[in-house]
Amino acid sequence: MDRIRGCFNEKGWEALQNLSASDKSKAMKLLFDKKDGLGLEWGRIPIGASDYALTRYTLDETAGDTGMEHFSIDHDTNYLIPFIKAAQAVKPDILFWGSAWTPPT
C-alpha cells in the first residue's frame, strides 16, 4: 500500500491554535496516529510561502546571494516548525520532503 501523505502549512497550524490543548492533541493524533487516526506517513514542507501561508515570504530575498549567506528559516519557526515537531511527537518516524514553492522576487 502506498504511504498516506499530507502537507504542513501556516494556516493549518494557525487553525489548530484555536483549539484547546486537549482538542489540539486529539486533532494531531487523528492526523498522524496510525492506530487511532489517519496515520499520515509523509509530510510535504513548502520552501517559502505556499498558498496556505499567512503572508508571502521567501527564505532569502538578498539579490545575488549565491552563497546563501542570507538564507534563513526564521519565519518558519512561528508556524511550520512547531507543526512539524507536534507531528513528530505523535509519529516520530514521519518522513518529509521539501517542495520549492515561492522563489525570491
C-alpha atoms as a PDB file:
ATOM      1  CA  MET A   1       0.000   0.000   0.000  1.00  0.00           C
ATOM      2  CA  ASP A   2       1.213   3.472  -0.846  1.00  0.00           C
ATOM      3  CA  ARG A   3       2.035   5.734   2.072  1.00  0.00           C
ATOM      4  CA  ILE A   4      -0.520   8.337   3.121  1.00  0.00           C
ATOM      5  CA  ARG A   5       0.686  11.891   2.519  1.00  0.00           C
ATOM      6  CA  GLY A   6      -0.230  15.355   3.689  1.00  0.00           C
ATOM      7  CA  CYS A   7       1.289  18.807   3.869  1.00  0.00           C
ATOM      8  CA  PHE A   8       2.316  21.277   6.525  1.00  0.00           C
ATOM      9  CA  ASN A   9       1.246  24.898   6.225  1.00  0.00           C
ATOM     10  CA  GLU A  10       0.846  28.018   8.325  1.00  0.00           C
ATOM     11  CA  LYS A  11      -2.943  28.239   8.093  1.00  0.00           C
ATOM     12  CA  GLY A  12      -3.290  24.656   9.292  1.00  0.00           C
ATOM     13  CA  TRP A  13      -1.158  25.330  12.374  1.00  0.00           C
ATOM     14  CA  GLU A  14      -2.959  28.622  12.991  1.00  0.00           C
ATOM     15  CA  ALA A  15      -6.306  26.787  12.938  1.00  0.00           C
ATOM     16  CA  LEU A  16      -5.008  24.200  15.408  1.00  0.00           C
ATOM     17  CA  GLN A  17      -4.017  27.027  17.775  1.00  0.00           C
ATOM     18  CA  ASN A  18      -7.707  27.922  18.125  1.00  0.00           C
ATOM     19  CA  LEU A  19      -8.354  24.567  19.812  1.00  0.00           C
ATOM     20  CA  SER A  20      -7.957  23.747  23.477  1.00  0.00           C
ATOM     21  CA  ALA A  21      -4.776  21.826  24.330  1.00  0.00           C
ATOM     22  CA  SER A  22      -6.826  18.648  24.671  1.00  0.00           C
ATOM     23  CA  ASP A  23      -8.565  19.109  21.307  1.00  0.00           C
ATOM     24  CA  LYS A  24      -5.288  20.040  19.589  1.00  0.00           C
ATOM     25  CA  SER A  25      -3.714  16.854  20.940  1.00  0.00           C
ATOM     26  CA  LYS A  26      -6.709  14.865  19.708  1.00  0.00           C
ATOM     27  CA  ALA A  27      -6.515  16.502  16.260  1.00  0.00           C
ATOM     28  CA  MET A  28      -2.801  15.704  15.945  1.00  0.00           C
ATOM     29  CA  LYS A  29      -3.498  12.110  16.928  1.00  0.00           C
ATOM     30  CA  LEU A  30      -6.309  11.885  14.367  1.00  0.00           C
ATOM     31  CA  LEU A  31      -3.943  13.142  11.675  1.00  0.00           C
ATOM     32  CA  PHE A  32      -0.737  11.265  12.499  1.00  0.00           C
ATOM     33  CA  ASP A  33      -1.521   8.232  14.655  1.00  0.00           C
ATOM     34  CA  LYS A  34      -1.876   5.076  12.580  1.00  0.00           C
ATOM     35  CA  LYS A  35      -3.836   3.155  15.223  1.00  0.00           C
ATOM     36  CA  ASP A  36      -6.361   5.831  16.219  1.00  0.00           C
ATOM     37  CA  GLY A  37      -6.272   8.161  13.225  1.00  0.00           C
ATOM     38  CA  LEU A  38      -5.380   8.677   9.588  1.00  0.00           C
ATOM     39  CA  GLY A  39      -1.708   7.867  10.139  1.00  0.00           C
ATOM     40  CA  LEU A  40      -0.161  10.357   7.723  1.00  0.00           C
ATOM     41  CA  GLU A  41       3.280   8.966   6.893  1.00  0.00           C
ATOM     42  CA  TRP A  42       4.757  11.700   4.684  1.00  0.00           C
ATOM     43  CA  GLY A  43       4.599  15.465   5.033  1.00  0.00           C
ATOM     44  CA  ARG A  44       5.367  17.993   2.329  1.00  0.00           C
ATOM     45  CA  ILE A  45       7.097  21.081   3.672  1.00  0.00           C
ATOM     46  CA  PRO A  46       6.907  24.163   1.440  1.00  0.00           C
ATOM     47  CA  ILE A  47      10.135  26.045   0.895  1.00  0.00           C
ATOM     48  CA  GLY A  48       8.916  29.619   1.067  1.00  0.00           C
ATOM     49  CA  ALA A  49       5.280  30.658   1.300  1.00  0.00           C
ATOM     50  CA  SER A  50       2.697  28.213  -0.022  1.00  0.00           C
ATOM     51  CA  ASP A  51      -0.841  29.101  -0.976  1.00  0.00           C
ATOM     52  CA  TYR A  52      -1.737  28.349   2.666  1.00  0.00           C
ATOM     53  CA  ALA A  53       0.812  30.737   4.180  1.00  0.00           C
ATOM     54  CA  LEU A  54      -0.357  33.703   6.216  1.00  0.00           C
ATOM     55  CA  THR A  55       1.861  36.092   4.238  1.00  0.00           C
ATOM     56  CA  ARG A  56       4.072  35.922   1.182  1.00  0.00           C
ATOM     57  CA  TYR A  57       7.683  35.257   2.129  1.00  0.00           C
ATOM     58  CA  THR A  58      10.821  33.605   0.829  1.00  0.00           C
ATOM     59  CA  LEU A  59      13.848  32.242   2.627  1.00  0.00           C
ATOM     60  CA  ASP A  60      16.350  34.610   1.009  1.00  0.00           C
ATOM     61  CA  GLU A  61      15.461  37.968  -0.564  1.00  0.00           C
ATOM     62  CA  THR A  62      19.055  39.184  -0.985  1.00  0.00           C
ATOM     63  CA  ALA A  63      19.819  39.670  -4.673  1.00  0.00           C
ATOM     64  CA  GLY A  64      22.887  37.813  -5.880  1.00  0.00           C
ATOM     65  CA  ASP A  65      23.254  35.785  -2.681  1.00  0.00           C
ATOM     66  CA  THR A  66      24.530  32.674  -4.445  1.00  0.00           C
ATOM     67  CA  GLY A  67      26.475  31.722  -1.305  1.00  0.00           C
ATOM     68  CA  MET A  68      23.188  31.635   0.635  1.00  0.00           C
ATOM     69  CA  GLU A  69      24.669  33.890   3.343  1.00  0.00           C
ATOM     70  CA  HIS A  70      21.269  35.482   3.986  1.00  0.00           C
ATOM     71  CA  PHE A  71      19.210  32.278   3.779  1.00  0.00           C
ATOM     72  CA  SER A  72      17.034  31.996   6.879  1.00  0.00           C
ATOM     73  CA  ILE A  73      14.241  29.800   8.180  1.00  0.00           C
ATOM     74  CA  ASP A  74      13.418  32.302  10.938  1.00  0.00           C
ATOM     75  CA  HIS A  75       9.936  32.851   9.511  1.00  0.00           C
ATOM     76  CA  ASP A  76       9.237  29.121   9.697  1.00  0.00           C
ATOM     77  CA  THR A  77       9.922  28.994  13.441  1.00  0.00           C
ATOM     78  CA  ASN A  78       6.487  30.513  14.099  1.00  0.00           C
ATOM     79  CA  TYR A  79       4.230  28.014  12.318  1.00  0.00           C
ATOM     80  CA  LEU A  80       5.826  25.299  10.182  1.00  0.00           C
ATOM     81  CA  ILE A  81       8.474  24.084  12.610  1.00  0.00           C
ATOM     82  CA  PRO A  82       6.112  23.848  15.617  1.00  0.00           C
ATOM     83  CA  PHE A  83       3.605  21.984  13.401  1.00  0.00           C
ATOM     84  CA  ILE A  84       6.322  19.570  12.268  1.00  0.00           C
ATOM     85  CA  LYS A  85       7.530  18.993  15.834  1.00  0.00           C
ATOM     86  CA  ALA A  86       3.976  18.353  17.028  1.00  0.00           C
ATOM     87  CA  ALA A  87       3.566  15.768  14.259  1.00  0.00           C
ATOM     88  CA  GLN A  88       6.858  14.131  15.209  1.00  0.00           C
ATOM     89  CA  ALA A  89       5.683  13.883  18.815  1.00  0.00           C
ATOM     90  CA  VAL A  90       2.813  11.682  17.594  1.00  0.00           C
ATOM     91  CA  LYS A  91       4.673   9.935  14.761  1.00  0.00           C
ATOM     92  CA  PRO A  92       8.449  10.060  15.302  1.00  0.00           C
ATOM     93  CA  ASP A  93       9.162   8.191  12.051  1.00  0.00           C
ATOM     94  CA  ILE A  94       7.192  10.542   9.797  1.00  0.00           C
ATOM     95  CA  LEU A  95       9.008  11.277   6.545  1.00  0.00           C
ATOM     96  CA  PHE A  96       9.297  14.712   4.918  1.00  0.00           C
ATOM     97  CA  TRP A  97      10.069  16.213   1.570  1.00  0.00           C
ATOM     98  CA  GLY A  98      10.744  19.855   0.842  1.00  0.00           C
ATOM     99  CA  SER A  99       8.946  21.404  -2.082  1.00  0.00           C
ATOM    100  CA  ALA A 100      10.171  24.661  -3.569  1.00  0.00           C
ATOM    101  CA  TRP A 101       7.173  26.943  -3.554  1.00  0.00           C
ATOM    102  CA  THR A 102       7.930  30.650  -3.566  1.00  0.00           C
ATOM    103  CA  PRO A 103      11.095  31.823  -5.277  1.00  0.00           C
ATOM    104  CA  PRO A 104      12.768  35.063  -4.254  1.00  0.00           C
ATOM    105  CA  THR A 105      11.477  38.099  -6.116  1.00  0.00           C
END
